[in-house]
Amino acid sequence: MSVRNLSSLIACFLFLAALFALSPDRALAQNTSYCDGYARDYAQRNSRGRVAGGAARGAIGGALIGGIARGRRGARRGALIGGGVGVVAGSARRSTDYNALYNQAYSNCMRR
């Protein structure tokens, strides 16, 4: 191998090494945006059903309590009030679960 070819090869190698050394921020930015999307999707898929479940439990509980206290009319009113309270409670629980699942998925993704 001639000196000229060797120096060209070394120059090319140094250029590529500098290119890779200067690009970790770009790779990290791509990794963080990928992990953010992955974590959002994971949290959304796994925190579903809290609102509907809370509404159903609230409506049943409200109907039972209202029915015991005031008969049929109280059962209807209790179901409506209990359902509303259940929606609020289920929504708050879903939000808490979503945040915990998001943080867990994001952390796991960034470790890879």
C-alpha atoms as a PDB file:
ATOM      1  CA  MET A   1       0.000   0.000   0.000  1.00  0.00           C
ATOM      2  CA  SER A   2       1.392   3.362  -0.949  1.00  0.00           C
ATOM      3  CA  VAL A   3       1.821   6.251   1.453  1.00  0.00           C
ATOM      4  CA  ARG A   4      -0.748   8.264  -0.484  1.00  0.00           C
ATOM      5  CA  ASN A   5      -3.395   5.546  -0.200  1.00  0.00           C
ATOM      6  CA  LEU A   6      -2.597   5.061   3.465  1.00  0.00           C
ATOM      7  CA  SER A   7      -2.927   8.771   4.223  1.00  0.00           C
ATOM      8  CA  SER A   8      -6.243   8.900   2.326  1.00  0.00           C
ATOM      9  CA  LEU A   9      -7.482   5.933   4.300  1.00  0.00           C
ATOM     10  CA  ILE A  10      -6.429   7.524   7.603  1.00  0.00           C
ATOM     11  CA  ALA A  11      -8.067  10.855   6.627  1.00  0.00           C
ATOM     12  CA  CYS A  12     -11.292   9.051   5.749  1.00  0.00           C
ATOM     13  CA  PHE A  13     -11.207   7.139   9.029  1.00  0.00           C
ATOM     14  CA  LEU A  14     -10.616  10.331  11.038  1.00  0.00           C
ATOM     15  CA  PHE A  15     -13.467  12.071   9.224  1.00  0.00           C
ATOM     16  CA  LEU A  16     -15.872   9.229  10.020  1.00  0.00           C
ATOM     17  CA  ALA A  17     -14.704   9.086  13.621  1.00  0.00           C
ATOM     18  CA  ALA A  18     -15.307  12.830  14.022  1.00  0.00           C
ATOM     19  CA  LEU A  19     -18.722  12.469  12.423  1.00  0.00           C
ATOM     20  CA  PHE A  20     -19.729   9.767  14.894  1.00  0.00           C
ATOM     21  CA  ALA A  21     -18.240  11.651  17.824  1.00  0.00           C
ATOM     22  CA  LEU A  22     -20.267  14.769  17.044  1.00  0.00           C
ATOM     23  CA  SER A  23     -23.624  13.044  16.527  1.00  0.00           C
ATOM     24  CA  PRO A  24     -24.659  11.571  19.925  1.00  0.00           C
ATOM     25  CA  ASP A  25     -27.029  14.480  20.577  1.00  0.00           C
ATOM     26  CA  ARG A  26     -28.940  13.667  17.417  1.00  0.00           C
ATOM     27  CA  ALA A  27     -29.110   9.991  18.302  1.00  0.00           C
ATOM     28  CA  LEU A  28     -30.228  10.837  21.828  1.00  0.00           C
ATOM     29  CA  ALA A  29     -32.904  13.208  20.523  1.00  0.00           C
ATOM     30  CA  GLN A  30     -34.230  10.491  18.228  1.00  0.00           C
ATOM     31  CA  ASN A  31     -34.144   8.017  21.091  1.00  0.00           C
ATOM     32  CA  THR A  32     -36.023  10.324  23.476  1.00  0.00           C
ATOM     33  CA  SER A  33     -38.720  11.119  20.916  1.00  0.00           C
ATOM     34  CA  TYR A  34     -39.079   7.424  20.098  1.00  0.00           C
ATOM     35  CA  CYS A  35     -39.288   6.509  23.784  1.00  0.00           C
ATOM     36  CA  ASP A  36     -41.815   9.282  24.414  1.00  0.00           C
ATOM     37  CA  GLY A  37     -44.093   7.941  21.687  1.00  0.00           C
ATOM     38  CA  TYR A  38     -43.638   4.374  22.850  1.00  0.00           C
ATOM     39  CA  ALA A  39     -44.397   5.292  26.475  1.00  0.00           C
ATOM     40  CA  ARG A  40     -47.509   7.294  25.523  1.00  0.00           C
ATOM     41  CA  ASP A  41     -48.863   4.415  23.484  1.00  0.00           C
ATOM     42  CA  TYR A  42     -48.092   1.874  26.207  1.00  0.00           C
ATOM     43  CA  ALA A  43     -49.709   3.980  28.935  1.00  0.00           C
ATOM     44  CA  GLN A  44     -52.790   4.702  26.854  1.00  0.00           C
ATOM     45  CA  ARG A  45     -53.358   1.041  25.971  1.00  0.00           C
ATOM     46  CA  ASN A  46     -52.881  -0.180  29.531  1.00  0.00           C
ATOM     47  CA  SER A  47     -54.823   2.456  31.480  1.00  0.00           C
ATOM     48  CA  ARG A  48     -58.145   2.071  29.674  1.00  0.00           C
ATOM     49  CA  GLY A  49     -61.351   1.008  31.338  1.00  0.00           C
ATOM     50  CA  ARG A  50     -60.960   2.942  34.583  1.00  0.00           C
ATOM     51  CA  VAL A  51     -63.604   5.543  33.754  1.00  0.00           C
ATOM     52  CA  ALA A  52     -66.301   3.110  32.616  1.00  0.00           C
ATOM     53  CA  GLY A  53     -65.585   0.760  35.503  1.00  0.00           C
ATOM     54  CA  GLY A  54     -65.766   3.638  37.994  1.00  0.00           C
ATOM     55  CA  ALA A  55     -69.063   4.828  36.511  1.00  0.00           C
ATOM     56  CA  ALA A  56     -70.587   1.345  36.667  1.00  0.00           C
ATOM     57  CA  ARG A  57     -69.504   0.748  40.254  1.00  0.00           C
ATOM     58  CA  GLY A  58     -70.686   4.215  41.274  1.00  0.00           C
ATOM     59  CA  ALA A  59     -74.064   3.751  39.600  1.00  0.00           C
ATOM     60  CA  ILE A  60     -74.637   0.366  41.232  1.00  0.00           C
ATOM     61  CA  GLY A  61     -73.602   1.637  44.650  1.00  0.00           C
ATOM     62  CA  GLY A  62     -75.693   4.791  44.259  1.00  0.00           C
ATOM     63  CA  ALA A  63     -78.749   2.816  43.145  1.00  0.00           C
ATOM     64  CA  LEU A  64     -78.451   0.487  46.130  1.00  0.00           C
ATOM     65  CA  ILE A  65     -78.065   3.298  48.640  1.00  0.00           C
ATOM     66  CA  GLY A  66     -80.777   5.423  46.977  1.00  0.00           C
ATOM     67  CA  GLY A  67     -83.132   2.456  46.769  1.00  0.00           C
ATOM     68  CA  ILE A  68     -82.691   1.646  50.433  1.00  0.00           C
ATOM     69  CA  ALA A  69     -83.207   5.263  51.446  1.00  0.00           C
ATOM     70  CA  ARG A  70     -86.049   6.326  49.128  1.00  0.00           C
ATOM     71  CA  GLY A  71     -87.299   3.429  47.035  1.00  0.00           C
ATOM     72  CA  ARG A  72     -87.401   3.473  43.211  1.00  0.00           C
ATOM     73  CA  ARG A  73     -87.084   7.197  42.828  1.00  0.00           C
ATOM     74  CA  GLY A  74     -84.106   7.254  45.145  1.00  0.00           C
ATOM     75  CA  ALA A  75     -82.529   4.373  43.237  1.00  0.00           C
ATOM     76  CA  ARG A  76     -82.683   6.334  39.963  1.00  0.00           C
ATOM     77  CA  ARG A  77     -81.298   9.450  41.549  1.00  0.00           C
ATOM     78  CA  GLY A  78     -78.643   7.478  43.416  1.00  0.00           C
ATOM     79  CA  ALA A  79     -77.589   5.720  40.204  1.00  0.00           C
ATOM     80  CA  LEU A  80     -77.164   9.048  38.406  1.00  0.00           C
ATOM     81  CA  ILE A  81     -75.246  10.662  41.240  1.00  0.00           C
ATOM     82  CA  GLY A  82     -73.157   7.541  41.887  1.00  0.00           C
ATOM     83  CA  GLY A  83     -72.386   7.209  38.176  1.00  0.00           C
ATOM     84  CA  GLY A  84     -71.191  10.815  38.044  1.00  0.00           C
ATOM     85  CA  VAL A  85     -69.020  10.371  41.105  1.00  0.00           C
ATOM     86  CA  GLY A  86     -67.697   7.120  39.639  1.00  0.00           C
ATOM     87  CA  VAL A  87     -66.719   8.853  36.395  1.00  0.00           C
ATOM     88  CA  VAL A  88     -64.764  11.493  38.287  1.00  0.00           C
ATOM     89  CA  ALA A  89     -63.073   8.933  40.547  1.00  0.00           C
ATOM     90  CA  GLY A  90     -62.321   6.588  37.624  1.00  0.00           C
ATOM     91  CA  SER A  91     -60.906   9.450  35.596  1.00  0.00           C
ATOM     92  CA  ALA A  92     -58.611  10.501  38.433  1.00  0.00           C
ATOM     93  CA  ARG A  93     -57.463   6.916  38.876  1.00  0.00           C
ATOM     94  CA  ARG A  94     -56.847   6.548  35.134  1.00  0.00           C
ATOM     95  CA  SER A  95     -54.728   9.694  35.152  1.00  0.00           C
ATOM     96  CA  THR A  96     -52.629   8.362  38.033  1.00  0.00           C
ATOM     97  CA  ASP A  97     -52.247   4.977  36.348  1.00  0.00           C
ATOM     98  CA  TYR A  98     -51.395   6.615  33.012  1.00  0.00           C
ATOM     99  CA  ASN A  99     -48.596   8.666  34.567  1.00  0.00           C
ATOM    100  CA  ALA A 100     -47.132   5.669  36.400  1.00  0.00           C
ATOM    101  CA  LEU A 101     -47.290   3.471  33.280  1.00  0.00           C
ATOM    102  CA  TYR A 102     -45.803   6.226  31.105  1.00  0.00           C
ATOM    103  CA  ASN A 103     -42.873   6.772  33.476  1.00  0.00           C
ATOM    104  CA  GLN A 104     -42.192   3.050  33.716  1.00  0.00           C
ATOM    105  CA  ALA A 105     -42.314   2.496  29.944  1.00  0.00           C
ATOM    106  CA  TYR A 106     -40.177   5.574  29.207  1.00  0.00           C
ATOM    107  CA  SER A 107     -37.569   4.542  31.743  1.00  0.00           C
ATOM    108  CA  ASN A 108     -37.421   0.992  30.374  1.00  0.00           C
ATOM    109  CA  CYS A 109     -37.109   2.281  26.806  1.00  0.00           C
ATOM    110  CA  MET A 110     -34.272   4.674  27.646  1.00  0.00           C
ATOM    111  CA  ARG A 111     -32.271   1.877  29.293  1.00  0.00           C
ATOM    112  CA  ARG A 112     -32.081  -0.018  26.007  1.00  0.00           C
END
